[in-house]
């Protein structure tokens, strides 16, 4: 009899006293330190999760990681402050007009639309936390090309904002200046043609931007950062920061491994000893091979009974089934340590991420 995972069971040839028959390389059962009933292996795999596919997977499949991405942006924009221009001497009419403009401002993405600055900043920081960086591109009519500095005094209209994440924009690390007012990153480069087609920006030569000259001046970009990297690390990462998931997923996997280990122990609770009179003598006697084959078939039948019949049939006088108690003392404390390790990688309190409060609160 064979199963889909490639493991095989041959009831007619396998002997119970054959050690190799108890080894299953596919599951690790009986293979020394890999046996899941004896140990659980936890280690750092060194894998980078900073790519589009893994981020989408973890954000969608693990709700707690999506929550981790969104908590800070939600808190950041929950109470949007009152706009002031010129302090106490500001013109109330101007302030109200600008505030209303901020509430009506539309931010677009390829698929979504956000109304108001709080919604735009919230969405941008969420994108930055997930991918490393995000940008709100200011779509302004100021009579200048989009690769030139924004002239505030010439602005006729701000058509809106356009939100992109780090997979659609990156700093122009080849055009860094080190002196004057323009010191630092001066331009950002769009890297996706569909984004370029939607926002329809214009270069200094009067031609529409394309992948060959898709540069936007930094004054037209609001740059959001996820897990901020050092200057040296930014050089190694095309000028972009890390996703907040980068330093968390490994610890989260270890926590999940602990939970799976607890599940394995619960399976091991269902452990018993099947006592059969004269079993050892029959296994070592002249007819041991035939007896082993019959015993193997008997155990397989019992296994099927436990699944379908929820019980087993045994000889009332010559067999005994005795359950064995298992101790899990200390395992809950170990899980708490693994959970603490996960939380320490998030910079969040247990009450924020897990709604878990200290005793007495």
Protein backbone atom coordinates (compact mmCIF):
# COMPACT_ATOMS: atom_id res chain seq x y z
CA UNK A 1 0.00 0.00 0.00
CA UNK A 2 1.41 3.44 -0.93
CA UNK A 3 0.35 7.01 -0.28
CA UNK A 4 0.65 10.21 -2.29
CA UNK A 5 3.67 11.42 -0.33
CA UNK A 6 5.77 8.49 -1.47
CA UNK A 7 5.85 6.54 1.80
CA UNK A 8 5.20 2.79 1.58
CA UNK A 9 3.79 0.19 3.93
CA UNK A 10 4.19 -3.50 3.06
CA UNK A 11 2.23 -5.56 5.52
CA UNK A 12 3.18 -8.85 3.93
CA UNK A 13 6.97 -8.45 4.18
CA UNK A 14 7.72 -6.01 7.00
CA UNK A 15 8.79 -7.47 10.34
CA UNK A 16 8.15 -5.62 13.57
CA UNK A 17 11.64 -6.42 14.84
CA UNK A 18 13.20 -4.83 11.74
CA UNK A 19 14.43 -1.39 12.90
CA UNK A 20 14.47 0.01 9.36
CA UNK A 21 10.73 -0.60 9.09
CA UNK A 22 10.15 2.05 11.76
CA UNK A 23 12.04 4.77 9.86
CA UNK A 24 10.17 7.18 7.60
CA UNK A 25 12.49 9.64 5.86
CA UNK A 26 9.56 11.68 4.54
CA UNK A 27 8.19 12.59 7.97
CA UNK A 28 11.39 12.28 10.00
CA UNK A 29 9.84 9.61 12.21
CA UNK A 30 12.53 7.45 13.75
CA UNK A 31 15.37 9.45 12.17
CA UNK A 32 17.34 10.51 15.24
CA UNK A 33 17.28 14.25 15.89
CA UNK A 34 14.76 14.85 13.09
CA UNK A 35 12.03 12.78 14.76
CA UNK A 36 9.23 15.30 15.45
CA UNK A 37 8.10 13.32 18.47
CA UNK A 38 11.46 13.92 20.14
CA UNK A 39 12.47 17.43 19.14
CA UNK A 40 11.59 20.55 17.18
CA UNK A 41 14.21 22.33 15.11
CA UNK A 42 14.22 26.14 15.12
CA UNK A 43 16.89 28.11 13.30
CA UNK A 44 17.51 31.31 11.38
CA UNK A 45 17.19 30.60 7.67
CA UNK A 46 18.70 33.88 6.47
CA UNK A 47 16.02 34.29 3.81
CA UNK A 48 15.08 37.77 2.62
CA UNK A 49 11.36 38.49 2.53
CA UNK A 50 11.72 41.83 0.77
CA UNK A 51 10.04 41.01 -2.51
CA UNK A 52 6.58 41.48 -3.89
CA UNK A 53 5.45 37.85 -3.76
CA UNK A 54 6.41 37.04 -0.16
CA UNK A 55 5.07 40.33 1.18
CA UNK A 56 1.69 39.74 -0.48
CA UNK A 57 1.60 36.18 0.85
CA UNK A 58 2.33 37.08 4.46
CA UNK A 59 0.08 40.10 4.47
CA UNK A 60 -2.89 38.13 3.14
CA UNK A 61 -2.38 34.78 4.86
CA UNK A 62 -1.34 35.97 8.32
CA UNK A 63 -3.73 38.52 9.75
CA UNK A 64 -1.42 39.38 12.64
CA UNK A 65 1.28 40.51 10.19
CA UNK A 66 -1.19 42.69 8.30
CA UNK A 67 -2.18 44.16 11.63
CA UNK A 68 1.47 44.80 12.39
CA UNK A 69 1.77 46.78 9.15
CA UNK A 70 -1.33 48.89 9.78
CA UNK A 71 -1.31 49.69 13.52
CA UNK A 72 1.10 52.64 13.44
CA UNK A 73 -0.40 54.29 10.30
CA UNK A 74 -3.88 53.98 11.80
CA UNK A 75 -2.74 55.56 15.06
CA UNK A 76 -0.82 58.24 13.15
CA UNK A 77 -3.89 59.43 11.23
CA UNK A 78 -6.65 58.66 13.74
CA UNK A 79 -6.76 62.23 15.06
CA UNK A 80 -5.75 64.64 12.32
CA UNK A 81 -4.63 67.94 13.85
CA UNK A 82 -6.14 71.33 13.09
CA UNK A 83 -4.35 73.22 10.34
CA UNK A 84 -2.71 76.54 11.33
CA UNK A 85 -1.10 79.03 8.96
CA UNK A 86 0.86 81.86 10.56
CA UNK A 87 0.05 80.75 14.11
CA UNK A 88 -2.50 82.80 16.03
CA UNK A 89 -2.29 85.60 13.46
CA UNK A 90 -3.37 83.43 10.54
CA UNK A 91 -6.40 84.41 8.50
CA UNK A 92 -9.26 82.08 9.55
CA UNK A 93 -10.80 82.20 6.07
CA UNK A 94 -7.55 81.13 4.44
CA UNK A 95 -7.01 78.43 7.03
CA UNK A 96 -10.54 77.07 6.53
CA UNK A 97 -10.15 77.14 2.76
CA UNK A 98 -6.83 75.24 2.86
CA UNK A 99 -8.23 72.77 5.37
CA UNK A 100 -11.22 72.13 3.14
CA UNK A 101 -8.89 71.69 0.18
CA UNK A 102 -7.00 69.04 2.17
CA UNK A 103 -10.22 67.23 2.98
CA UNK A 104 -11.28 67.18 -0.68
CA UNK A 105 -7.88 66.28 -2.17
CA UNK A 106 -8.00 63.00 -4.10
CA UNK A 107 -5.16 60.48 -4.06
CA UNK A 108 -5.14 57.74 -6.67
CA UNK A 109 -3.32 54.48 -7.21
CA UNK A 110 -3.60 52.00 -10.05
CA UNK A 111 -6.73 50.52 -8.45
CA UNK A 112 -7.74 52.64 -5.44
CA UNK A 113 -8.89 56.16 -4.66
CA UNK A 114 -8.51 57.99 -1.33
CA UNK A 115 -10.20 61.26 -0.38
CA UNK A 116 -8.50 63.65 2.05
CA UNK A 117 -4.95 64.00 3.34
CA UNK A 118 -5.43 61.69 6.37
CA UNK A 119 -6.50 58.82 4.10
CA UNK A 120 -3.60 59.53 1.74
CA UNK A 121 -0.99 59.57 4.53
CA UNK A 122 -2.48 56.44 6.08
CA UNK A 123 -2.33 54.51 2.81
CA UNK A 124 1.19 55.76 2.06
CA UNK A 125 2.61 54.72 5.44
CA UNK A 126 0.95 51.30 5.16
CA UNK A 127 2.61 50.82 1.76
CA UNK A 128 5.95 51.96 3.21
CA UNK A 129 5.68 49.58 6.16
CA UNK A 130 4.93 46.68 3.83
CA UNK A 131 7.41 47.32 1.03
CA UNK A 132 10.06 49.57 2.61
CA UNK A 133 9.11 52.90 1.04
CA UNK A 134 6.19 54.72 -0.57
CA UNK A 135 5.75 58.06 -2.29
CA UNK A 136 2.93 60.52 -2.79
CA UNK A 137 3.62 62.23 -6.11
CA UNK A 138 2.26 65.79 -6.26
CA UNK A 139 0.46 66.36 -9.55
CA UNK A 140 0.80 70.12 -9.80
CA UNK A 141 0.36 72.58 -12.67
CA UNK A 142 3.16 75.11 -12.06
CA UNK A 143 4.38 75.64 -15.62
CA UNK A 144 7.51 73.54 -14.98
CA UNK A 145 8.57 70.12 -16.17
CA UNK A 146 8.16 67.39 -13.59
CA UNK A 147 11.90 66.76 -13.38
CA UNK A 148 12.39 70.41 -12.30
CA UNK A 149 11.85 71.91 -8.81
CA UNK A 150 8.24 72.70 -7.91
CA UNK A 151 7.59 76.45 -7.95
CA UNK A 152 5.07 77.12 -5.21
CA UNK A 153 4.37 80.67 -6.37
CA UNK A 154 3.45 79.48 -9.86
CA UNK A 155 1.03 76.74 -8.88
CA UNK A 156 -2.28 77.12 -10.70
CA UNK A 157 -3.78 73.84 -9.59
CA UNK A 158 -2.91 70.66 -7.72
CA UNK A 159 -4.76 67.95 -9.59
CA UNK A 160 -4.22 65.46 -6.77
CA UNK A 161 -1.70 62.99 -5.43
CA UNK A 162 -0.60 59.66 -6.82
CA UNK A 163 0.52 56.88 -4.46
CA UNK A 164 3.21 54.36 -5.41
CA UNK A 165 5.28 51.94 -3.35
CA UNK A 166 8.97 51.11 -3.67
CA UNK A 167 8.34 48.64 -6.48
CA UNK A 168 7.23 51.54 -8.69
CA UNK A 169 9.68 54.26 -7.60
CA UNK A 170 13.21 54.49 -6.23
CA UNK A 171 15.73 57.23 -5.42
CA UNK A 172 18.08 58.25 -8.22
CA UNK A 173 21.28 57.18 -6.45
CA UNK A 174 23.37 58.13 -9.49
CA UNK A 175 22.38 61.79 -9.30
CA UNK A 176 23.27 62.64 -5.70
CA UNK A 177 24.77 66.09 -5.07
CA UNK A 178 26.86 66.95 -2.03
CA UNK A 179 26.73 70.75 -1.82
CA UNK A 180 24.31 73.64 -2.00
CA UNK A 181 20.56 73.68 -1.45
CA UNK A 182 20.11 70.60 -3.63
CA UNK A 183 22.45 68.41 -1.53
CA UNK A 184 21.33 64.80 -1.28
CA UNK A 185 18.89 62.87 -3.45
CA UNK A 186 17.60 65.27 -6.10
CA UNK A 187 15.34 63.00 -8.15
CA UNK A 188 13.27 59.83 -7.95
CA UNK A 189 12.87 57.36 -10.81
CA UNK A 190 9.60 55.69 -11.79
CA UNK A 191 10.12 52.02 -12.66
CA UNK A 192 6.67 50.86 -13.85
CA UNK A 193 5.31 51.85 -17.25
CA UNK A 194 1.64 51.59 -16.22
CA UNK A 195 2.22 54.18 -13.48
CA UNK A 196 3.97 56.48 -15.96
CA UNK A 197 1.04 56.10 -18.36
CA UNK A 198 -1.50 57.01 -15.69
CA UNK A 199 0.06 60.15 -14.25
CA UNK A 200 1.32 61.51 -17.62
CA UNK A 201 4.25 63.57 -16.42
CA UNK A 202 6.41 65.72 -18.68
CA UNK A 203 10.21 65.93 -18.87
CA UNK A 204 12.36 69.04 -19.45
CA UNK A 205 12.51 68.34 -23.17
CA UNK A 206 8.74 68.67 -23.36
CA UNK A 207 8.20 64.99 -24.03
CA UNK A 208 6.13 62.65 -21.84
CA UNK A 209 8.09 60.63 -19.30
CA UNK A 210 8.89 57.03 -20.20
CA UNK A 211 11.09 54.34 -18.67
CA UNK A 212 14.11 55.93 -20.31
CA UNK A 213 13.73 59.35 -18.62
CA UNK A 214 11.16 58.83 -15.85
CA UNK A 215 12.71 61.19 -13.28
CA UNK A 216 10.69 63.34 -10.86
CA UNK A 217 12.22 66.13 -8.81
CA UNK A 218 12.22 65.48 -5.08
CA UNK A 219 10.17 68.62 -4.37
CA UNK A 220 7.25 66.89 -6.09
CA UNK A 221 7.53 63.73 -3.98
CA UNK A 222 6.46 63.07 -0.38
CA UNK A 223 8.69 60.16 0.67
CA UNK A 224 7.56 57.65 3.33
CA UNK A 225 9.89 55.18 5.04
CA UNK A 226 9.29 51.73 6.55
CA UNK A 227 12.09 50.12 8.58
CA UNK A 228 14.71 52.84 8.22
CA UNK A 229 18.17 51.65 7.23
CA UNK A 230 21.59 53.17 7.82
CA UNK A 231 23.36 55.06 5.06
CA UNK A 232 25.59 52.09 4.24
CA UNK A 233 22.61 49.69 4.07
CA UNK A 234 20.75 52.11 1.82
CA UNK A 235 23.67 52.01 -0.59
CA UNK A 236 23.34 48.23 -0.76
CA UNK A 237 19.57 48.41 -1.24
CA UNK A 238 19.19 50.88 -4.15
CA UNK A 239 18.49 53.71 -1.72
CA UNK A 240 15.40 51.99 -0.31
CA UNK A 241 14.50 50.97 3.24
CA UNK A 242 13.35 47.57 4.48
CA UNK A 243 9.83 46.34 5.02
CA UNK A 244 8.87 46.13 8.68
CA UNK A 245 8.17 42.46 7.98
CA UNK A 246 11.84 41.80 7.23
CA UNK A 247 12.91 41.49 10.87
CA UNK A 248 9.65 40.01 12.11
CA UNK A 249 8.76 37.03 9.93
CA UNK A 250 11.56 34.79 11.22
CA UNK A 251 10.51 35.35 14.83
CA UNK A 252 6.88 34.79 13.82
CA UNK A 253 7.82 31.50 12.16
CA UNK A 254 9.55 30.42 15.37
CA UNK A 255 6.43 31.26 17.34
CA UNK A 256 4.35 29.20 14.92
CA UNK A 257 6.84 26.35 15.28
CA UNK A 258 6.22 26.47 19.02
CA UNK A 259 2.47 26.25 18.48
CA UNK A 260 2.93 23.32 16.11
CA UNK A 261 5.10 21.66 18.73
CA UNK A 262 2.27 22.05 21.22
CA UNK A 263 -0.08 20.43 18.71
CA UNK A 264 2.37 17.55 18.31
CA UNK A 265 2.43 17.05 22.07
CA UNK A 266 -1.37 16.89 22.14
CA UNK A 267 -1.18 14.07 19.60
CA UNK A 268 1.34 12.31 21.82
CA UNK A 269 -1.13 12.51 24.71
CA UNK A 270 -3.01 9.73 22.95
CA UNK A 271 -0.34 7.15 23.79
CA UNK A 272 -0.94 3.68 25.15
CA UNK A 273 0.80 0.36 25.73
CA UNK A 274 -0.74 -2.76 24.21
CA UNK A 275 0.16 -5.70 26.46
CA UNK A 276 -0.03 -9.12 24.82
CA UNK A 277 0.62 -12.32 26.76
CA UNK A 278 3.63 -14.24 25.44
CA UNK A 279 4.41 -11.60 22.80
CA UNK A 280 8.19 -11.66 23.24
CA UNK A 281 8.49 -15.46 23.13
CA UNK A 282 6.40 -15.65 19.97
CA UNK A 283 8.44 -12.92 18.25
CA UNK A 284 11.71 -14.71 19.05
CA UNK A 285 10.51 -18.25 18.39
CA UNK A 286 10.78 -20.42 15.29
CA UNK A 287 7.55 -19.08 13.82
CA UNK A 288 8.47 -15.44 14.45
CA UNK A 289 8.29 -14.40 10.79
CA UNK A 290 4.76 -15.70 10.31
CA UNK A 291 3.74 -14.31 13.70
CA UNK A 292 5.20 -10.90 12.80
CA UNK A 293 3.20 -10.79 9.56
CA UNK A 294 -0.01 -11.64 11.40
CA UNK A 295 0.74 -9.11 14.13
CA UNK A 296 1.36 -6.41 11.52
CA UNK A 297 -2.01 -7.11 9.93
CA UNK A 298 -3.60 -7.09 13.38
CA UNK A 299 -2.16 -3.66 14.22
CA UNK A 300 -3.29 -2.27 10.88
CA UNK A 301 -6.81 -3.54 11.58
CA UNK A 302 -6.73 -1.92 15.02
CA UNK A 303 -5.62 1.36 13.45
CA UNK A 304 -8.57 1.27 11.05
CA UNK A 305 -10.91 0.46 13.94
CA UNK A 306 -9.67 3.45 15.94
CA UNK A 307 -10.43 5.67 12.97
CA UNK A 308 -13.87 4.29 12.02
CA UNK A 309 -15.08 2.47 15.11
CA UNK A 310 -13.40 4.77 17.67
CA UNK A 311 -12.21 1.73 19.56
CA UNK A 312 -10.35 -1.57 19.36
CA UNK A 313 -11.11 -5.20 19.93
CA UNK A 314 -8.70 -7.22 22.11
CA UNK A 315 -8.63 -10.56 23.87
CA UNK A 316 -10.29 -10.03 27.23
CA UNK A 317 -8.10 -12.54 29.07
CA UNK A 318 -4.71 -12.28 27.30
CA UNK A 319 -4.40 -8.62 26.30
CA UNK A 320 -4.47 -5.28 28.13
CA UNK A 321 -4.60 -1.70 26.82
CA UNK A 322 -3.00 0.77 29.24
CA UNK A 323 -2.81 4.52 28.63
CA UNK A 324 0.37 6.38 29.58
CA UNK A 325 0.23 9.87 31.06
CA UNK A 326 2.53 12.51 29.56
CA UNK A 327 3.91 15.58 31.28
CA UNK A 328 4.06 18.97 29.54
CA UNK A 329 5.31 20.92 32.53
CA UNK A 330 7.11 24.08 31.46
CA UNK A 331 5.89 24.11 27.87
CA UNK A 332 3.57 27.06 28.42
CA UNK A 333 6.50 29.03 29.84
CA UNK A 334 8.54 28.15 26.75
CA UNK A 335 5.73 29.40 24.48
CA UNK A 336 5.68 32.66 26.44
CA UNK A 337 9.40 33.09 25.80
CA UNK A 338 8.95 32.47 22.07
CA UNK A 339 6.04 34.93 22.03
CA UNK A 340 8.17 37.51 23.83
CA UNK A 341 10.86 37.04 21.19
CA UNK A 342 8.29 37.68 18.46
CA UNK A 343 6.94 40.79 20.18
CA UNK A 344 10.44 42.15 20.81
CA UNK A 345 10.96 42.20 17.04
CA UNK A 346 7.83 44.29 16.44
CA UNK A 347 8.47 47.32 18.70
CA UNK A 348 4.83 47.03 19.78
CA UNK A 349 3.25 46.28 23.13
CA UNK A 350 1.30 43.00 23.60
CA UNK A 351 -1.81 45.09 24.28
CA UNK A 352 -1.49 46.72 20.83
CA UNK A 353 -0.81 43.65 18.73
CA UNK A 354 -2.52 40.83 20.63
CA UNK A 355 -4.95 42.65 22.97
CA UNK A 356 -3.06 40.88 25.74
CA UNK A 357 -2.86 42.83 28.98
CA UNK A 358 -0.81 42.29 32.18
CA UNK A 359 -2.65 40.77 35.12
CA UNK A 360 -4.79 43.28 36.94
CA UNK A 361 -5.55 45.48 33.93
